[in-house]
Amino acid sequence: MKDYSDENDKNYIAYLYEKYEKKLYYIANSYLKNHFDSEDCVQDVFVVVMNKLDQFRSFSIDHQKNFMIKVCRCIAINKYNENTKRNIAEMSLNDSIIESEFEIVDNESYLDKILINDENYKIIYNIIDNMDSKYGDILYLKLFLNMKNNEIAKLLNLPLNLINVRLNRAKIKLKETMSKNEVQKNQMILK
């Protein structure tokens, strides 16, 4: 874990917290409907930001805001799911919940490395932003934050095999949309 003794880092995190805390709390609370869980969610967002601070600083302001909102939404949904599971477990006194653990190999080889240069950065970002969040959020974390599949699975509290499937589907959607955009661009040139 990074040492945040640098005064600039502390000031930057404090600035971000002051600027976005209320918005993030509102988003978290819209899912969780619980003050304490919503505060925990906001805090978890800033832990993610701090862990990726160097990369986060390189983002545009809009990109930073969207990143924090997406991470907040993912964490809030996970907390909601955890709370729901906990409530179901408490209600079912006679039933025992058995969880099977599967060892899943982190197979990222099917996801091609996409080079994001200045030209296609905005196009890819807009396509991902307009995707269904269950695909867009995962693809965003993969492409823009260079997170590994197992890190994404842990962050979103989803099984690794589901992350792999959604990444594959998101990749297909991204390629299809980019192909459509390229066809439309070529048609405009021809007219």
N, C-alpha and C. Protein backbone atom coordinates (compact mmCIF):
# COMPACT_ATOMS: atom_id res chain seq x y z
N MET A 1 0.84 -1.18 0.00
CA MET A 1 0.00 0.00 0.00
C MET A 1 0.88 1.24 0.00
N LYS A 2 0.44 2.22 -0.73
CA LYS A 2 1.22 3.44 -0.90
C LYS A 2 1.20 4.28 0.38
N ASP A 3 2.31 4.95 0.64
CA ASP A 3 2.41 5.85 1.78
C ASP A 3 1.91 7.23 1.33
N TYR A 4 0.92 7.76 2.03
CA TYR A 4 0.32 9.04 1.65
C TYR A 4 0.82 10.16 2.54
N SER A 5 2.11 10.14 2.81
CA SER A 5 2.68 11.18 3.66
C SER A 5 2.93 12.46 2.88
N ASP A 6 2.95 12.38 1.56
CA ASP A 6 3.14 13.56 0.73
C ASP A 6 1.96 14.52 0.95
N GLU A 7 2.28 15.74 1.29
CA GLU A 7 1.24 16.74 1.59
C GLU A 7 0.36 17.00 0.38
N ASN A 8 0.92 16.97 -0.83
CA ASN A 8 0.14 17.16 -2.04
C ASN A 8 -0.93 16.09 -2.21
N ASP A 9 -0.55 14.83 -1.92
CA ASP A 9 -1.52 13.73 -2.00
C ASP A 9 -2.65 13.93 -1.00
N LYS A 10 -2.29 14.29 0.22
CA LYS A 10 -3.31 14.52 1.26
C LYS A 10 -4.25 15.64 0.85
N ASN A 11 -3.69 16.73 0.37
CA ASN A 11 -4.52 17.87 -0.05
C ASN A 11 -5.41 17.50 -1.23
N TYR A 12 -4.88 16.72 -2.17
CA TYR A 12 -5.64 16.32 -3.34
C TYR A 12 -6.81 15.42 -2.94
N ILE A 13 -6.57 14.45 -2.08
CA ILE A 13 -7.63 13.56 -1.60
C ILE A 13 -8.67 14.37 -0.82
N ALA A 14 -8.21 15.29 0.03
CA ALA A 14 -9.14 16.14 0.79
C ALA A 14 -10.00 16.98 -0.17
N TYR A 15 -9.38 17.51 -1.21
CA TYR A 15 -10.12 18.30 -2.21
C TYR A 15 -11.18 17.43 -2.90
N LEU A 16 -10.78 16.23 -3.32
CA LEU A 16 -11.73 15.33 -3.97
C LEU A 16 -12.87 14.96 -3.04
N TYR A 17 -12.53 14.68 -1.79
CA TYR A 17 -13.56 14.30 -0.82
C TYR A 17 -14.55 15.44 -0.63
N GLU A 18 -14.04 16.63 -0.46
CA GLU A 18 -14.90 17.79 -0.25
C GLU A 18 -15.79 18.04 -1.46
N LYS A 19 -15.24 17.83 -2.64
CA LYS A 19 -15.97 18.11 -3.87
C LYS A 19 -17.03 17.05 -4.20
N TYR A 20 -16.73 15.77 -3.96
CA TYR A 20 -17.59 14.69 -4.44
C TYR A 20 -18.30 13.88 -3.35
N GLU A 21 -18.00 14.09 -2.11
CA GLU A 21 -18.54 13.26 -1.04
C GLU A 21 -20.06 13.25 -1.04
N LYS A 22 -20.69 14.40 -1.14
CA LYS A 22 -22.16 14.46 -1.08
C LYS A 22 -22.81 13.74 -2.26
N LYS A 23 -22.27 13.94 -3.45
CA LYS A 23 -22.82 13.27 -4.63
C LYS A 23 -22.66 11.75 -4.52
N LEU A 24 -21.48 11.31 -4.07
CA LEU A 24 -21.25 9.88 -3.92
C LEU A 24 -22.14 9.30 -2.82
N TYR A 25 -22.32 10.04 -1.75
CA TYR A 25 -23.20 9.58 -0.67
C TYR A 25 -24.63 9.43 -1.19
N TYR A 26 -25.09 10.39 -1.97
CA TYR A 26 -26.43 10.34 -2.53
C TYR A 26 -26.61 9.11 -3.41
N ILE A 27 -25.61 8.83 -4.25
CA ILE A 27 -25.67 7.65 -5.12
C ILE A 27 -25.71 6.37 -4.29
N ALA A 28 -24.81 6.28 -3.33
CA ALA A 28 -24.74 5.08 -2.48
C ALA A 28 -26.04 4.89 -1.70
N ASN A 29 -26.56 5.97 -1.16
CA ASN A 29 -27.77 5.89 -0.35
C ASN A 29 -29.00 5.55 -1.20
N SER A 30 -28.98 5.90 -2.47
CA SER A 30 -30.10 5.55 -3.34
C SER A 30 -30.20 4.03 -3.51
N TYR A 31 -29.08 3.33 -3.38
CA TYR A 31 -29.08 1.87 -3.44
C TYR A 31 -29.27 1.25 -2.06
N LEU A 32 -28.58 1.80 -1.08
CA LEU A 32 -28.47 1.13 0.21
C LEU A 32 -29.55 1.53 1.23
N LYS A 33 -30.03 2.75 1.13
CA LYS A 33 -31.05 3.27 2.05
C LYS A 33 -30.63 3.12 3.52
N ASN A 34 -29.32 3.27 3.75
CA ASN A 34 -28.77 3.13 5.09
C ASN A 34 -27.59 4.10 5.22
N HIS A 35 -27.68 4.98 6.20
CA HIS A 35 -26.68 6.03 6.38
C HIS A 35 -25.27 5.46 6.56
N PHE A 36 -25.13 4.48 7.44
CA PHE A 36 -23.80 3.96 7.76
C PHE A 36 -23.19 3.19 6.58
N ASP A 37 -23.99 2.36 5.92
CA ASP A 37 -23.49 1.64 4.76
C ASP A 37 -23.12 2.61 3.64
N SER A 38 -23.89 3.67 3.48
CA SER A 38 -23.60 4.66 2.43
C SER A 38 -22.29 5.38 2.72
N GLU A 39 -22.05 5.72 3.98
CA GLU A 39 -20.78 6.35 4.35
C GLU A 39 -19.61 5.40 4.11
N ASP A 40 -19.80 4.12 4.45
CA ASP A 40 -18.75 3.12 4.19
C ASP A 40 -18.46 3.03 2.70
N CYS A 41 -19.51 3.08 1.90
CA CYS A 41 -19.36 2.99 0.45
C CYS A 41 -18.52 4.16 -0.07
N VAL A 42 -18.83 5.36 0.39
CA VAL A 42 -18.07 6.55 -0.04
C VAL A 42 -16.61 6.40 0.37
N GLN A 43 -16.38 5.94 1.58
CA GLN A 43 -15.02 5.74 2.05
C GLN A 43 -14.29 4.71 1.17
N ASP A 44 -14.97 3.65 0.79
CA ASP A 44 -14.37 2.62 -0.06
C ASP A 44 -14.00 3.18 -1.44
N VAL A 45 -14.81 4.11 -1.95
CA VAL A 45 -14.50 4.75 -3.23
C VAL A 45 -13.16 5.47 -3.13
N PHE A 46 -12.96 6.18 -2.04
CA PHE A 46 -11.71 6.93 -1.89
C PHE A 46 -10.52 6.02 -1.62
N VAL A 47 -10.75 4.84 -1.07
CA VAL A 47 -9.67 3.87 -0.93
C VAL A 47 -9.23 3.40 -2.33
N VAL A 48 -10.19 3.14 -3.21
CA VAL A 48 -9.86 2.75 -4.58
C VAL A 48 -9.10 3.88 -5.28
N VAL A 49 -9.57 5.11 -5.10
CA VAL A 49 -8.89 6.26 -5.72
C VAL A 49 -7.46 6.37 -5.21
N MET A 50 -7.28 6.22 -3.90
CA MET A 50 -5.93 6.33 -3.33
C MET A 50 -5.01 5.24 -3.85
N ASN A 51 -5.55 4.04 -4.05
CA ASN A 51 -4.73 2.94 -4.55
C ASN A 51 -4.31 3.14 -6.00
N LYS A 52 -5.06 3.93 -6.73
CA LYS A 52 -4.76 4.21 -8.14
C LYS A 52 -4.50 5.70 -8.35
N LEU A 53 -3.99 6.38 -7.33
CA LEU A 53 -3.88 7.84 -7.35
C LEU A 53 -3.06 8.39 -8.50
N ASP A 54 -1.92 7.80 -8.78
CA ASP A 54 -1.08 8.30 -9.87
C ASP A 54 -1.81 8.24 -11.20
N GLN A 55 -2.46 7.14 -11.44
CA GLN A 55 -3.22 6.99 -12.68
C GLN A 55 -4.45 7.91 -12.66
N PHE A 56 -5.09 8.01 -11.51
CA PHE A 56 -6.29 8.83 -11.36
C PHE A 56 -6.00 10.30 -11.67
N ARG A 57 -4.86 10.78 -11.23
CA ARG A 57 -4.48 12.18 -11.48
C ARG A 57 -4.35 12.49 -12.97
N SER A 58 -4.03 11.49 -13.76
CA SER A 58 -3.84 11.72 -15.20
C SER A 58 -5.18 11.83 -15.95
N PHE A 59 -6.28 11.46 -15.30
CA PHE A 59 -7.60 11.54 -15.93
C PHE A 59 -8.05 12.99 -16.04
N SER A 60 -8.92 13.25 -17.01
CA SER A 60 -9.57 14.56 -17.08
C SER A 60 -10.54 14.68 -15.90
N ILE A 61 -11.00 15.88 -15.62
CA ILE A 61 -11.91 16.09 -14.49
C ILE A 61 -13.20 15.30 -14.68
N ASP A 62 -13.75 15.31 -15.89
CA ASP A 62 -14.97 14.54 -16.15
C ASP A 62 -14.73 13.05 -15.97
N HIS A 63 -13.58 12.60 -16.44
CA HIS A 63 -13.22 11.19 -16.31
C HIS A 63 -13.09 10.80 -14.84
N GLN A 64 -12.48 11.66 -14.03
CA GLN A 64 -12.35 11.40 -12.60
C GLN A 64 -13.73 11.27 -11.95
N LYS A 65 -14.60 12.20 -12.27
CA LYS A 65 -15.95 12.19 -11.70
C LYS A 65 -16.69 10.92 -12.10
N ASN A 66 -16.66 10.58 -13.38
CA ASN A 66 -17.34 9.39 -13.86
C ASN A 66 -16.76 8.12 -13.26
N PHE A 67 -15.45 8.10 -13.10
CA PHE A 67 -14.81 6.94 -12.48
C PHE A 67 -15.32 6.75 -11.05
N MET A 68 -15.33 7.83 -10.27
CA MET A 68 -15.78 7.71 -8.87
C MET A 68 -17.25 7.30 -8.80
N ILE A 69 -18.06 7.81 -9.70
CA ILE A 69 -19.49 7.45 -9.72
C ILE A 69 -19.65 5.97 -10.05
N LYS A 70 -18.92 5.49 -11.04
CA LYS A 70 -19.02 4.06 -11.42
C LYS A 70 -18.55 3.16 -10.29
N VAL A 71 -17.44 3.51 -9.68
CA VAL A 71 -16.93 2.70 -8.56
C VAL A 71 -17.92 2.74 -7.40
N CYS A 72 -18.47 3.90 -7.13
CA CYS A 72 -19.45 4.04 -6.04
C CYS A 72 -20.67 3.15 -6.31
N ARG A 73 -21.15 3.20 -7.54
CA ARG A 73 -22.33 2.39 -7.89
C ARG A 73 -22.01 0.90 -7.73
N CYS A 74 -20.85 0.47 -8.18
CA CYS A 74 -20.46 -0.94 -8.05
C CYS A 74 -20.36 -1.37 -6.59
N ILE A 75 -19.72 -0.55 -5.79
CA ILE A 75 -19.55 -0.88 -4.37
C ILE A 75 -20.90 -0.89 -3.67
N ALA A 76 -21.76 0.08 -3.99
CA ALA A 76 -23.09 0.14 -3.37
C ALA A 76 -23.92 -1.09 -3.73
N ILE A 77 -23.87 -1.50 -4.98
CA ILE A 77 -24.61 -2.70 -5.40
C ILE A 77 -24.08 -3.92 -4.67
N ASN A 78 -22.76 -4.02 -4.53
CA ASN A 78 -22.19 -5.15 -3.80
C ASN A 78 -22.64 -5.17 -2.35
N LYS A 79 -22.61 -4.00 -1.71
CA LYS A 79 -23.05 -3.91 -0.31
C LYS A 79 -24.53 -4.28 -0.20
N TYR A 80 -25.32 -3.81 -1.15
CA TYR A 80 -26.75 -4.14 -1.16
C TYR A 80 -26.94 -5.65 -1.27
N ASN A 81 -26.20 -6.27 -2.20
CA ASN A 81 -26.29 -7.72 -2.37
C ASN A 81 -25.85 -8.47 -1.11
N GLU A 82 -24.77 -7.99 -0.48
CA GLU A 82 -24.31 -8.60 0.77
C GLU A 82 -25.38 -8.49 1.85
N ASN A 83 -25.99 -7.32 1.97
CA ASN A 83 -27.04 -7.11 2.97
C ASN A 83 -28.23 -8.00 2.69
N THR A 84 -28.59 -8.13 1.42
CA THR A 84 -29.72 -8.99 1.05
C THR A 84 -29.43 -10.43 1.40
N LYS A 85 -28.21 -10.88 1.06
CA LYS A 85 -27.83 -12.25 1.40
C LYS A 85 -27.86 -12.48 2.91
N ARG A 86 -27.37 -11.49 3.66
CA ARG A 86 -27.35 -11.59 5.11
C ARG A 86 -28.78 -11.67 5.66
N ASN A 87 -29.67 -10.86 5.12
CA ASN A 87 -31.07 -10.88 5.57
C ASN A 87 -31.74 -12.20 5.24
N ILE A 88 -31.46 -12.75 4.07
CA ILE A 88 -32.04 -14.05 3.70
C ILE A 88 -31.51 -15.13 4.63
N ALA A 89 -30.22 -15.07 4.94
CA ALA A 89 -29.63 -16.07 5.84
C ALA A 89 -30.24 -15.99 7.23
N GLU A 90 -30.50 -14.78 7.69
CA GLU A 90 -31.09 -14.61 9.01
C GLU A 90 -32.54 -15.09 9.04
N MET A 91 -33.26 -14.92 7.93
CA MET A 91 -34.66 -15.33 7.89
C MET A 91 -34.83 -16.83 7.75
N SER A 92 -33.91 -17.47 7.13
CA SER A 92 -34.04 -18.91 6.92
C SER A 92 -33.28 -19.67 8.00
N LEU A 93 -33.92 -19.81 9.15
CA LEU A 93 -33.29 -20.48 10.29
C LEU A 93 -33.12 -21.97 10.05
N ASN A 94 -34.06 -22.59 9.34
CA ASN A 94 -34.01 -24.03 9.13
C ASN A 94 -33.08 -24.42 7.99
N ASP A 95 -32.85 -23.51 7.07
CA ASP A 95 -32.01 -23.81 5.91
C ASP A 95 -30.56 -23.48 6.21
N SER A 96 -29.69 -24.27 5.71
CA SER A 96 -28.27 -23.95 5.84
C SER A 96 -27.77 -23.51 4.47
N ILE A 97 -27.00 -22.48 4.47
CA ILE A 97 -26.46 -21.96 3.22
C ILE A 97 -25.10 -22.57 3.00
N ILE A 98 -24.97 -23.25 1.89
CA ILE A 98 -23.70 -23.90 1.56
C ILE A 98 -23.12 -23.19 0.35
N GLU A 99 -21.93 -22.69 0.52
CA GLU A 99 -21.26 -22.04 -0.59
C GLU A 99 -20.13 -22.93 -1.09
N SER A 100 -20.14 -23.17 -2.35
CA SER A 100 -19.06 -23.96 -2.95
C SER A 100 -17.98 -23.02 -3.44
N GLU A 101 -16.77 -23.41 -3.20
CA GLU A 101 -15.66 -22.60 -3.69
C GLU A 101 -15.02 -23.32 -4.86
N PHE A 102 -14.87 -22.60 -5.94
CA PHE A 102 -14.25 -23.14 -7.14
C PHE A 102 -12.96 -22.41 -7.37
N GLU A 103 -11.94 -23.15 -7.70
CA GLU A 103 -10.68 -22.52 -8.06
C GLU A 103 -10.74 -22.21 -9.54
N ILE A 104 -10.70 -20.94 -9.86
CA ILE A 104 -10.83 -20.51 -11.24
C ILE A 104 -9.51 -19.90 -11.67
N VAL A 105 -9.02 -20.32 -12.80
CA VAL A 105 -7.78 -19.77 -13.32
C VAL A 105 -8.10 -18.44 -13.99
N ASP A 106 -7.32 -17.43 -13.70
CA ASP A 106 -7.50 -16.09 -14.26
C ASP A 106 -7.01 -16.11 -15.71
N ASN A 107 -7.93 -16.30 -16.65
CA ASN A 107 -7.57 -16.40 -18.06
C ASN A 107 -7.91 -15.10 -18.75
N GLU A 108 -6.92 -14.24 -18.92
CA GLU A 108 -7.14 -12.95 -19.56
C GLU A 108 -6.66 -12.94 -20.99
N SER A 109 -6.18 -14.08 -21.49
CA SER A 109 -5.57 -14.09 -22.82
C SER A 109 -6.57 -13.79 -23.93
N TYR A 110 -7.85 -14.07 -23.72
CA TYR A 110 -8.83 -13.83 -24.78
C TYR A 110 -9.11 -12.34 -24.98
N LEU A 111 -8.79 -11.52 -23.98
CA LEU A 111 -9.06 -10.09 -24.10
C LEU A 111 -7.84 -9.41 -24.69
N ASP A 112 -7.96 -9.02 -25.96
CA ASP A 112 -6.84 -8.38 -26.63
C ASP A 112 -6.52 -7.07 -25.94
N LYS A 113 -5.25 -6.73 -25.98
CA LYS A 113 -4.83 -5.43 -25.46
C LYS A 113 -5.28 -4.36 -26.45
N ILE A 114 -6.05 -3.43 -26.00
CA ILE A 114 -6.50 -2.35 -26.87
C ILE A 114 -5.67 -1.12 -26.54
N LEU A 115 -4.99 -0.62 -27.55
CA LEU A 115 -4.18 0.57 -27.35
C LEU A 115 -5.09 1.78 -27.43
N ILE A 116 -5.07 2.55 -26.39
CA ILE A 116 -5.94 3.71 -26.33
C ILE A 116 -5.07 4.94 -26.56
N ASN A 117 -5.12 5.44 -27.79
CA ASN A 117 -4.37 6.65 -28.08
C ASN A 117 -5.31 7.85 -28.02
N ASP A 118 -4.78 9.02 -28.26
CA ASP A 118 -5.58 10.24 -28.15
C ASP A 118 -6.78 10.23 -29.09
N GLU A 119 -6.61 9.63 -30.28
CA GLU A 119 -7.67 9.62 -31.27
C GLU A 119 -8.88 8.81 -30.84
N ASN A 120 -8.64 7.56 -30.42
CA ASN A 120 -9.78 6.71 -30.11
C ASN A 120 -10.15 6.68 -28.63
N TYR A 121 -9.41 7.38 -27.78
CA TYR A 121 -9.71 7.42 -26.35
C TYR A 121 -11.14 7.88 -26.09
N LYS A 122 -11.50 9.02 -26.67
CA LYS A 122 -12.83 9.58 -26.43
C LYS A 122 -13.91 8.69 -27.02
N ILE A 123 -13.65 8.12 -28.18
CA ILE A 123 -14.63 7.24 -28.82
C ILE A 123 -14.89 6.02 -27.94
N ILE A 124 -13.82 5.38 -27.49
CA ILE A 124 -13.95 4.19 -26.65
C ILE A 124 -14.61 4.54 -25.32
N TYR A 125 -14.19 5.65 -24.74
CA TYR A 125 -14.77 6.08 -23.47
C TYR A 125 -16.27 6.30 -23.60
N ASN A 126 -16.71 6.98 -24.66
CA ASN A 126 -18.13 7.25 -24.87
C ASN A 126 -18.91 5.97 -25.13
N ILE A 127 -18.33 5.04 -25.88
CA ILE A 127 -19.00 3.77 -26.13
C ILE A 127 -19.19 3.02 -24.82
N ILE A 128 -18.14 2.95 -24.01
CA ILE A 128 -18.22 2.24 -22.73
C ILE A 128 -19.22 2.93 -21.80
N ASP A 129 -19.21 4.26 -21.80
CA ASP A 129 -20.12 5.02 -20.93
C ASP A 129 -21.57 4.78 -21.30
N ASN A 130 -21.85 4.49 -22.57
CA ASN A 130 -23.22 4.26 -23.03
C ASN A 130 -23.64 2.80 -22.97
N MET A 131 -22.72 1.91 -22.62
CA MET A 131 -23.05 0.49 -22.49
C MET A 131 -23.88 0.26 -21.23
N ASP A 132 -24.56 -0.86 -21.22
CA ASP A 132 -25.22 -1.33 -20.01
C ASP A 132 -24.15 -1.40 -18.91
N SER A 133 -24.45 -0.91 -17.73
CA SER A 133 -23.43 -0.78 -16.68
C SER A 133 -22.77 -2.11 -16.30
N LYS A 134 -23.50 -3.22 -16.43
CA LYS A 134 -22.87 -4.50 -16.06
C LYS A 134 -21.73 -4.87 -16.99
N TYR A 135 -21.74 -4.34 -18.20
CA TYR A 135 -20.63 -4.56 -19.13
C TYR A 135 -19.67 -3.37 -19.13
N GLY A 136 -20.22 -2.18 -19.16
CA GLY A 136 -19.40 -0.97 -19.25
C GLY A 136 -18.49 -0.78 -18.06
N ASP A 137 -19.00 -1.03 -16.86
CA ASP A 137 -18.19 -0.84 -15.66
C ASP A 137 -16.98 -1.77 -15.66
N ILE A 138 -17.20 -3.02 -16.03
CA ILE A 138 -16.12 -3.99 -16.04
C ILE A 138 -15.09 -3.63 -17.11
N LEU A 139 -15.56 -3.27 -18.29
CA LEU A 139 -14.65 -2.91 -19.37
C LEU A 139 -13.86 -1.65 -19.03
N TYR A 140 -14.51 -0.71 -18.37
CA TYR A 140 -13.85 0.53 -17.93
C TYR A 140 -12.71 0.20 -16.97
N LEU A 141 -13.00 -0.62 -15.98
CA LEU A 141 -11.98 -0.98 -15.00
C LEU A 141 -10.82 -1.72 -15.66
N LYS A 142 -11.13 -2.53 -16.66
CA LYS A 142 -10.10 -3.30 -17.36
C LYS A 142 -9.23 -2.41 -18.25
N LEU A 143 -9.87 -1.61 -19.10
CA LEU A 143 -9.13 -0.86 -20.10
C LEU A 143 -8.49 0.41 -19.57
N PHE A 144 -9.22 1.15 -18.75
CA PHE A 144 -8.73 2.44 -18.33
C PHE A 144 -7.94 2.41 -17.03
N LEU A 145 -8.19 1.40 -16.20
CA LEU A 145 -7.45 1.30 -14.95
C LEU A 145 -6.50 0.12 -14.93
N ASN A 146 -6.49 -0.63 -16.03
CA ASN A 146 -5.59 -1.78 -16.17
C ASN A 146 -5.70 -2.76 -15.00
N MET A 147 -6.92 -2.93 -14.50
CA MET A 147 -7.12 -3.88 -13.41
C MET A 147 -7.16 -5.29 -14.00
N LYS A 148 -6.69 -6.24 -13.24
CA LYS A 148 -6.75 -7.64 -13.64
C LYS A 148 -8.15 -8.18 -13.36
N ASN A 149 -8.50 -9.24 -14.04
CA ASN A 149 -9.84 -9.82 -13.89
C ASN A 149 -10.14 -10.19 -12.43
N ASN A 150 -9.16 -10.76 -11.74
CA ASN A 150 -9.41 -11.15 -10.35
C ASN A 150 -9.58 -9.91 -9.45
N GLU A 151 -8.91 -8.80 -9.79
CA GLU A 151 -9.10 -7.56 -9.02
C GLU A 151 -10.50 -7.00 -9.25
N ILE A 152 -10.96 -7.07 -10.49
CA ILE A 152 -12.31 -6.60 -10.81
C ILE A 152 -13.34 -7.46 -10.09
N ALA A 153 -13.13 -8.76 -10.12
CA ALA A 153 -14.05 -9.68 -9.45
C ALA A 153 -14.13 -9.37 -7.96
N LYS A 154 -13.00 -9.11 -7.36
CA LYS A 154 -12.95 -8.79 -5.93
C LYS A 154 -13.65 -7.46 -5.65
N LEU A 155 -13.36 -6.44 -6.47
CA LEU A 155 -13.97 -5.12 -6.29
C LEU A 155 -15.48 -5.17 -6.43
N LEU A 156 -15.96 -5.90 -7.43
CA LEU A 156 -17.40 -5.97 -7.70
C LEU A 156 -18.09 -7.09 -6.95
N ASN A 157 -17.30 -7.89 -6.24
CA ASN A 157 -17.84 -9.00 -5.47
C ASN A 157 -18.64 -9.95 -6.35
N LEU A 158 -18.06 -10.27 -7.49
CA LEU A 158 -18.68 -11.19 -8.45
C LEU A 158 -17.71 -12.34 -8.71
N PRO A 159 -18.24 -13.49 -9.10
CA PRO A 159 -17.34 -14.61 -9.43
C PRO A 159 -16.46 -14.28 -10.63
N LEU A 160 -15.26 -14.77 -10.61
CA LEU A 160 -14.30 -14.50 -11.67
C LEU A 160 -14.81 -14.97 -13.03
N ASN A 161 -15.46 -16.13 -13.07
CA ASN A 161 -15.95 -16.61 -14.36
C ASN A 161 -17.02 -15.68 -14.93
N LEU A 162 -17.83 -15.06 -14.09
CA LEU A 162 -18.83 -14.09 -14.56
C LEU A 162 -18.14 -12.84 -15.10
N ILE A 163 -17.08 -12.41 -14.45
CA ILE A 163 -16.30 -11.26 -14.94
C ILE A 163 -15.73 -11.59 -16.32
N ASN A 164 -15.18 -12.79 -16.47
CA ASN A 164 -14.62 -13.21 -17.77
C ASN A 164 -15.68 -13.20 -18.87
N VAL A 165 -16.86 -13.72 -18.57
CA VAL A 165 -17.95 -13.75 -19.55
C VAL A 165 -18.38 -12.34 -19.91
N ARG A 166 -18.58 -11.49 -18.90
CA ARG A 166 -19.02 -10.12 -19.17
C ARG A 166 -17.95 -9.32 -19.93
N LEU A 167 -16.69 -9.55 -19.60
CA LEU A 167 -15.62 -8.88 -20.35
C LEU A 167 -15.63 -9.30 -21.81
N ASN A 168 -15.83 -10.57 -22.05
CA ASN A 168 -15.87 -11.07 -23.42
C ASN A 168 -17.05 -10.44 -24.17
N ARG A 169 -18.22 -10.42 -23.55
CA ARG A 169 -19.39 -9.81 -24.18
C ARG A 169 -19.19 -8.31 -24.39
N ALA A 170 -18.60 -7.65 -23.41
CA ALA A 170 -18.34 -6.20 -23.53
C ALA A 170 -17.37 -5.93 -24.67
N LYS A 171 -16.37 -6.78 -24.80
CA LYS A 171 -15.39 -6.64 -25.87
C LYS A 171 -16.07 -6.77 -27.22
N ILE A 172 -16.97 -7.73 -27.34
CA ILE A 172 -17.71 -7.93 -28.59
C ILE A 172 -18.57 -6.70 -28.90
N LYS A 173 -19.28 -6.19 -27.88
CA LYS A 173 -20.11 -5.00 -28.06
C LYS A 173 -19.26 -3.79 -28.46
N LEU A 174 -18.10 -3.65 -27.83
CA LEU A 174 -17.20 -2.55 -28.15
C LEU A 174 -16.74 -2.63 -29.61
N LYS A 175 -16.32 -3.83 -30.04
CA LYS A 175 -15.87 -4.00 -31.41
C LYS A 175 -17.00 -3.73 -32.40
N GLU A 176 -18.21 -4.23 -32.09
CA GLU A 176 -19.35 -4.00 -32.98
C GLU A 176 -19.66 -2.52 -33.10
N THR A 177 -19.68 -1.84 -31.98
CA THR A 177 -19.99 -0.41 -31.98
C THR A 177 -18.91 0.38 -32.70
N MET A 178 -17.66 0.02 -32.47
CA MET A 178 -16.58 0.72 -33.16
C MET A 178 -16.64 0.47 -34.66
N SER A 179 -17.01 -0.76 -35.07
CA SER A 179 -17.17 -1.06 -36.49
C SER A 179 -18.29 -0.23 -37.10
N LYS A 180 -19.42 -0.11 -36.38
CA LYS A 180 -20.54 0.71 -36.86
C LYS A 180 -20.12 2.17 -36.99
N ASN A 181 -19.38 2.65 -36.02
CA ASN A 181 -18.90 4.04 -36.07
C ASN A 181 -17.98 4.25 -37.26
N GLU A 182 -17.13 3.27 -37.53
CA GLU A 182 -16.21 3.37 -38.67
C GLU A 182 -16.99 3.37 -39.99
N VAL A 183 -18.02 2.52 -40.10
CA VAL A 183 -18.85 2.48 -41.31
C VAL A 183 -19.56 3.81 -41.49
N GLN A 184 -20.14 4.35 -40.41
CA GLN A 184 -20.83 5.64 -40.47
C GLN A 184 -19.86 6.75 -40.88
N LYS A 185 -18.65 6.71 -40.34
CA LYS A 185 -17.66 7.73 -40.67
C LYS A 185 -17.28 7.65 -42.15
N ASN A 186 -17.12 6.44 -42.66
CA ASN A 186 -16.79 6.25 -44.07
C ASN A 186 -17.94 6.68 -44.97
N GLN A 187 -19.19 6.45 -44.55
CA GLN A 187 -20.34 6.87 -45.33
C GLN A 187 -20.41 8.40 -45.40
N MET A 188 -20.07 9.05 -44.32
CA MET A 188 -20.09 10.52 -44.30
C MET A 188 -19.02 11.07 -45.24
N ILE A 189 -17.90 10.40 -45.30
CA ILE A 189 -16.81 10.85 -46.19
C ILE A 189 -17.23 10.71 -47.65
N LEU A 190 -17.97 9.62 -47.95
CA LEU A 190 -18.39 9.37 -49.32
C LEU A 190 -19.47 10.33 -49.80
N LYS A 191 -20.26 10.87 -48.89
CA LYS A 191 -21.37 11.76 -49.28
C LYS A 191 -20.90 13.11 -49.70
